[in-house]
């Protein structure tokens, strides 16, 4: 459960970085932050994929 919260947090961070860079920044800093945002969304997608397809786990 906590791992999925981390994935949702990474998605939120990615959206905030993308909105900020599209509106406020120019040049190399813009593209470097957009790259970080892209990496965050890829990592969160992989986490969601693993959590979804790992199936129910006995506790």
PDB file of N, CA and C in Angstrom:
ATOM      1  N   UNK A   1       0.828  -1.182   0.000  1.00  0.00           N
ATOM      2  CA  UNK A   1       0.000   0.000   0.000  1.00  0.00           C
ATOM      3  C   UNK A   1       0.878   1.253   0.000  1.00  0.00           C
ATOM      4  N   UNK A   2       1.935   1.247   0.809  1.00  0.00           N
ATOM      5  CA  UNK A   2       2.782   2.431   0.881  1.00  0.00           C
ATOM      6  C   UNK A   2       3.544   2.652  -0.420  1.00  0.00           C
ATOM      7  N   UNK A   3       3.865   1.585  -1.092  1.00  0.00           N
ATOM      8  CA  UNK A   3       4.570   1.716  -2.370  1.00  0.00           C
ATOM      9  C   UNK A   3       3.688   2.408  -3.394  1.00  0.00           C
ATOM     10  N   UNK A   4       2.406   2.108  -3.392  1.00  0.00           N
ATOM     11  CA  UNK A   4       1.498   2.773  -4.330  1.00  0.00           C
ATOM     12  C   UNK A   4       1.339   4.257  -3.981  1.00  0.00           C
ATOM     13  N   UNK A   5       1.422   4.593  -2.683  1.00  0.00           N
ATOM     14  CA  UNK A   5       1.387   6.011  -2.306  1.00  0.00           C
ATOM     15  C   UNK A   5       2.626   6.745  -2.814  1.00  0.00           C
ATOM     16  N   UNK A   6       3.756   6.081  -2.791  1.00  0.00           N
ATOM     17  CA  UNK A   6       4.978   6.668  -3.335  1.00  0.00           C
ATOM     18  C   UNK A   6       4.821   6.924  -4.828  1.00  0.00           C
ATOM     19  N   UNK A   7       4.199   5.988  -5.534  1.00  0.00           N
ATOM     20  CA  UNK A   7       3.967   6.156  -6.968  1.00  0.00           C
ATOM     21  C   UNK A   7       3.045   7.339  -7.233  1.00  0.00           C
ATOM     22  N   UNK A   8       1.992   7.469  -6.435  1.00  0.00           N
ATOM     23  CA  UNK A   8       1.089   8.612  -6.611  1.00  0.00           C
ATOM     24  C   UNK A   8       1.797   9.927  -6.302  1.00  0.00           C
ATOM     25  N   UNK A   9       2.668   9.913  -5.301  1.00  0.00           N
ATOM     26  CA  UNK A   9       3.442  11.112  -4.982  1.00  0.00           C
ATOM     27  C   UNK A   9       4.377  11.494  -6.114  1.00  0.00           C
ATOM     28  N   UNK A  10       5.010  10.510  -6.736  1.00  0.00           N
ATOM     29  CA  UNK A  10       5.876  10.790  -7.883  1.00  0.00           C
ATOM     30  C   UNK A  10       5.086  11.366  -9.053  1.00  0.00           C
ATOM     31  N   UNK A  11       3.873  10.861  -9.258  1.00  0.00           N
ATOM     32  CA  UNK A  11       3.024  11.423 -10.316  1.00  0.00           C
ATOM     33  C   UNK A  11       2.677  12.879 -10.020  1.00  0.00           C
ATOM     34  N   UNK A  12       2.357  13.171  -8.764  1.00  0.00           N
ATOM     35  CA  UNK A  12       2.029  14.535  -8.367  1.00  0.00           C
ATOM     36  C   UNK A  12       3.230  15.464  -8.561  1.00  0.00           C
ATOM     37  N   UNK A  13       4.417  15.008  -8.151  1.00  0.00           N
ATOM     38  CA  UNK A  13       5.630  15.799  -8.328  1.00  0.00           C
ATOM     39  C   UNK A  13       5.891  16.046  -9.808  1.00  0.00           C
ATOM     40  N   UNK A  14       5.670  15.049 -10.620  1.00  0.00           N
ATOM     41  CA  UNK A  14       5.879  15.187 -12.050  1.00  0.00           C
ATOM     42  C   UNK A  14       4.957  16.238 -12.661  1.00  0.00           C
ATOM     43  N   UNK A  15       3.700  16.230 -12.254  1.00  0.00           N
ATOM     44  CA  UNK A  15       2.748  17.204 -12.784  1.00  0.00           C
ATOM     45  C   UNK A  15       3.123  18.617 -12.341  1.00  0.00           C
ATOM     46  N   UNK A  16       3.489  18.790 -11.084  1.00  0.00           N
ATOM     47  CA  UNK A  16       3.856  20.115 -10.575  1.00  0.00           C
ATOM     48  C   UNK A  16       5.099  20.639 -11.287  1.00  0.00           C
ATOM     49  N   UNK A  17       6.115  19.788 -11.460  1.00  0.00           N
ATOM     50  CA  UNK A  17       7.328  20.212 -12.168  1.00  0.00           C
ATOM     51  C   UNK A  17       7.004  20.597 -13.603  1.00  0.00           C
ATOM     52  N   UNK A  18       6.176  19.812 -14.273  1.00  0.00           N
ATOM     53  CA  UNK A  18       5.830  20.097 -15.665  1.00  0.00           C
ATOM     54  C   UNK A  18       5.084  21.416 -15.792  1.00  0.00           C
ATOM     55  N   UNK A  19       4.104  21.651 -14.946  1.00  0.00           N
ATOM     56  CA  UNK A  19       3.350  22.906 -15.005  1.00  0.00           C
ATOM     57  C   UNK A  19       4.262  24.092 -14.734  1.00  0.00           C
ATOM     58  N   UNK A  20       5.122  23.967 -13.717  1.00  0.00           N
ATOM     59  CA  UNK A  20       6.028  25.058 -13.370  1.00  0.00           C
ATOM     60  C   UNK A  20       6.987  25.372 -14.510  1.00  0.00           C
ATOM     61  N   UNK A  21       7.582  24.337 -15.108  1.00  0.00           N
ATOM     62  CA  UNK A  21       8.566  24.582 -16.155  1.00  0.00           C
ATOM     63  C   UNK A  21       7.930  25.112 -17.434  1.00  0.00           C
ATOM     64  N   UNK A  22       6.730  24.664 -17.753  1.00  0.00           N
ATOM     65  CA  UNK A  22       6.081  25.152 -18.972  1.00  0.00           C
ATOM     66  C   UNK A  22       5.705  26.629 -18.860  1.00  0.00           C
ATOM     67  N   UNK A  23       5.398  27.089 -17.642  1.00  0.00           N
ATOM     68  CA  UNK A  23       4.942  28.465 -17.481  1.00  0.00           C
ATOM     69  C   UNK A  23       6.054  29.444 -17.127  1.00  0.00           C
ATOM     70  N   UNK A  24       7.075  29.000 -16.408  1.00  0.00           N
ATOM     71  CA  UNK A  24       8.020  29.952 -15.822  1.00  0.00           C
ATOM     72  C   UNK A  24       9.431  29.905 -16.383  1.00  0.00           C
ATOM     73  N   UNK A  25       9.885  28.780 -16.890  1.00  0.00           N
ATOM     74  CA  UNK A  25      11.297  28.639 -17.220  1.00  0.00           C
ATOM     75  C   UNK A  25      11.551  28.601 -18.717  1.00  0.00           C
ATOM     76  N   UNK A  26      12.799  28.885 -19.067  1.00  0.00           N
ATOM     77  CA  UNK A  26      13.255  28.830 -20.454  1.00  0.00           C
ATOM     78  C   UNK A  26      14.633  28.177 -20.491  1.00  0.00           C
ATOM     79  N   UNK A  27      15.008  27.716 -21.636  1.00  0.00           N
ATOM     80  CA  UNK A  27      16.370  27.252 -21.865  1.00  0.00           C
ATOM     81  C   UNK A  27      16.678  25.869 -21.320  1.00  0.00           C
ATOM     82  N   UNK A  28      17.942  25.704 -20.924  1.00  0.00           N
ATOM     83  CA  UNK A  28      18.465  24.410 -20.512  1.00  0.00           C
ATOM     84  C   UNK A  28      17.812  23.945 -19.213  1.00  0.00           C
ATOM     85  N   UNK A  29      17.565  24.864 -18.279  1.00  0.00           N
ATOM     86  CA  UNK A  29      16.942  24.492 -17.014  1.00  0.00           C
ATOM     87  C   UNK A  29      15.552  23.905 -17.234  1.00  0.00           C
ATOM     88  N   UNK A  30      14.826  24.459 -18.202  1.00  0.00           N
ATOM     89  CA  UNK A  30      13.493  23.938 -18.522  1.00  0.00           C
ATOM     90  C   UNK A  30      13.567  22.484 -18.974  1.00  0.00           C
ATOM     91  N   UNK A  31      14.481  22.199 -19.884  1.00  0.00           N
ATOM     92  CA  UNK A  31      14.559  20.845 -20.424  1.00  0.00           C
ATOM     93  C   UNK A  31      15.122  19.852 -19.406  1.00  0.00           C
ATOM     94  N   UNK A  32      16.004  20.310 -18.537  1.00  0.00           N
ATOM     95  CA  UNK A  32      16.523  19.404 -17.521  1.00  0.00           C
ATOM     96  C   UNK A  32      15.433  19.060 -16.501  1.00  0.00           C
ATOM     97  N   UNK A  33      14.616  20.035 -16.100  1.00  0.00           N
ATOM     98  CA  UNK A  33      13.515  19.742 -15.178  1.00  0.00           C
ATOM     99  C   UNK A  33      12.432  18.895 -15.837  1.00  0.00           C
ATOM    100  N   UNK A  34      12.192  19.114 -17.117  1.00  0.00           N
ATOM    101  CA  UNK A  34      11.235  18.262 -17.823  1.00  0.00           C
ATOM    102  C   UNK A  34      11.748  16.833 -17.933  1.00  0.00           C
ATOM    103  N   UNK A  35      13.052  16.652 -18.042  1.00  0.00           N
ATOM    104  CA  UNK A  35      13.629  15.311 -18.051  1.00  0.00           C
ATOM    105  C   UNK A  35      13.444  14.636 -16.700  1.00  0.00           C
ATOM    106  N   UNK A  36      13.660  15.379 -15.613  1.00  0.00           N
ATOM    107  CA  UNK A  36      13.424  14.842 -14.273  1.00  0.00           C
ATOM    108  C   UNK A  36      11.960  14.469 -14.103  1.00  0.00           C
ATOM    109  N   UNK A  37      11.070  15.307 -14.619  1.00  0.00           N
ATOM    110  CA  UNK A  37       9.641  15.021 -14.554  1.00  0.00           C
ATOM    111  C   UNK A  37       9.294  13.748 -15.321  1.00  0.00           C
ATOM    112  N   UNK A  38       9.894  13.578 -16.484  1.00  0.00           N
ATOM    113  CA  UNK A  38       9.662  12.383 -17.288  1.00  0.00           C
ATOM    114  C   UNK A  38      10.161  11.134 -16.570  1.00  0.00           C
ATOM    115  N   UNK A  39      11.308  11.234 -15.923  1.00  0.00           N
ATOM    116  CA  UNK A  39      11.850  10.102 -15.172  1.00  0.00           C
ATOM    117  C   UNK A  39      10.921   9.750 -14.010  1.00  0.00           C
ATOM    118  N   UNK A  40      10.377  10.767 -13.318  1.00  0.00           N
ATOM    119  CA  UNK A  40       9.440  10.519 -12.217  1.00  0.00           C
ATOM    120  C   UNK A  40       8.202   9.778 -12.703  1.00  0.00           C
ATOM    121  N   UNK A  41       7.658  10.169 -13.842  1.00  0.00           N
ATOM    122  CA  UNK A  41       6.434   9.533 -14.330  1.00  0.00           C
ATOM    123  C   UNK A  41       6.727   8.107 -14.813  1.00  0.00           C
ATOM    124  N   UNK A  42       7.901   7.857 -15.369  1.00  0.00           N
ATOM    125  CA  UNK A  42       8.273   6.505 -15.794  1.00  0.00           C
ATOM    126  C   UNK A  42       8.435   5.598 -14.572  1.00  0.00           C
ATOM    127  N   UNK A  43       9.118   6.084 -13.534  1.00  0.00           N
ATOM    128  CA  UNK A  43       9.315   5.286 -12.321  1.00  0.00           C
ATOM    129  C   UNK A  43       7.973   4.994 -11.657  1.00  0.00           C
ATOM    130  N   UNK A  44       7.102   5.997 -11.589  1.00  0.00           N
ATOM    131  CA  UNK A  44       5.792   5.764 -10.975  1.00  0.00           C
ATOM    132  C   UNK A  44       4.961   4.786 -11.798  1.00  0.00           C
ATOM    133  N   UNK A  45       5.067   4.835 -13.100  1.00  0.00           N
ATOM    134  CA  UNK A  45       4.361   3.870 -13.940  1.00  0.00           C
ATOM    135  C   UNK A  45       4.854   2.453 -13.724  1.00  0.00           C
ATOM    136  N   UNK A  46       6.166   2.297 -13.573  1.00  0.00           N
ATOM    137  CA  UNK A  46       6.714   0.969 -13.293  1.00  0.00           C
ATOM    138  C   UNK A  46       6.263   0.455 -11.932  1.00  0.00           C
ATOM    139  N   UNK A  47       6.224   1.335 -10.942  1.00  0.00           N
ATOM    140  CA  UNK A  47       5.758   0.925  -9.615  1.00  0.00           C
ATOM    141  C   UNK A  47       4.304   0.498  -9.672  1.00  0.00           C
ATOM    142  N   UNK A  48       3.461   1.270 -10.347  1.00  0.00           N
ATOM    143  CA  UNK A  48       2.048   0.915 -10.466  1.00  0.00           C
ATOM    144  C   UNK A  48       1.890  -0.409 -11.200  1.00  0.00           C
ATOM    145  N   UNK A  49       2.677  -0.626 -12.242  1.00  0.00           N
ATOM    146  CA  UNK A  49       2.634  -1.887 -12.976  1.00  0.00           C
ATOM    147  C   UNK A  49       2.983  -3.064 -12.067  1.00  0.00           C
ATOM    148  N   UNK A  50       4.054  -2.914 -11.297  1.00  0.00           N
ATOM    149  CA  UNK A  50       4.468  -3.996 -10.399  1.00  0.00           C
ATOM    150  C   UNK A  50       3.441  -4.251  -9.299  1.00  0.00           C
ATOM    151  N   UNK A  51       2.887  -3.194  -8.731  1.00  0.00           N
ATOM    152  CA  UNK A  51       1.889  -3.362  -7.668  1.00  0.00           C
ATOM    153  C   UNK A  51       0.626  -4.011  -8.219  1.00  0.00           C
ATOM    154  N   UNK A  52       0.217  -3.605  -9.402  1.00  0.00           N
ATOM    155  CA  UNK A  52      -1.023  -4.126  -9.985  1.00  0.00           C
ATOM    156  C   UNK A  52      -0.890  -5.600 -10.350  1.00  0.00           C
ATOM    157  N   UNK A  53       0.222  -5.965 -10.950  1.00  0.00           N
ATOM    158  CA  UNK A  53       0.351  -7.331 -11.433  1.00  0.00           C
ATOM    159  C   UNK A  53       1.033  -8.280 -10.453  1.00  0.00           C
ATOM    160  N   UNK A  54       1.370  -7.793  -9.262  1.00  0.00           N
ATOM    161  CA  UNK A  54       1.939  -8.719  -8.274  1.00  0.00           C
ATOM    162  C   UNK A  54       0.854  -9.552  -7.621  1.00  0.00           C
ATOM    163  N   UNK A  55      -0.388  -9.119  -7.723  1.00  0.00           N
ATOM    164  CA  UNK A  55      -1.510  -9.908  -7.212  1.00  0.00           C
ATOM    165  C   UNK A  55      -1.706  -9.744  -5.726  1.00  0.00           C
ATOM    166  N   UNK A  56      -2.730 -10.384  -5.205  1.00  0.00           N
ATOM    167  CA  UNK A  56      -2.958 -10.314  -3.771  1.00  0.00           C
ATOM    168  C   UNK A  56      -1.877 -11.055  -2.993  1.00  0.00           C
ATOM    169  N   UNK A  57      -1.492 -10.475  -1.895  1.00  0.00           N
ATOM    170  CA  UNK A  57      -0.415 -11.034  -1.079  1.00  0.00           C
ATOM    171  C   UNK A  57      -1.012 -11.461   0.264  1.00  0.00           C
ATOM    172  N   UNK A  58      -0.781 -12.699   0.686  1.00  0.00           N
ATOM    173  CA  UNK A  58      -1.309 -13.118   2.001  1.00  0.00           C
ATOM    174  C   UNK A  58      -0.566 -12.394   3.115  1.00  0.00           C
ATOM    175  N   UNK A  59      -1.322 -11.985   4.105  1.00  0.00           N
ATOM    176  CA  UNK A  59      -0.706 -11.258   5.230  1.00  0.00           C
ATOM    177  C   UNK A  59      -0.592 -12.114   6.451  1.00  0.00           C
TER     178      UNK A  59
END
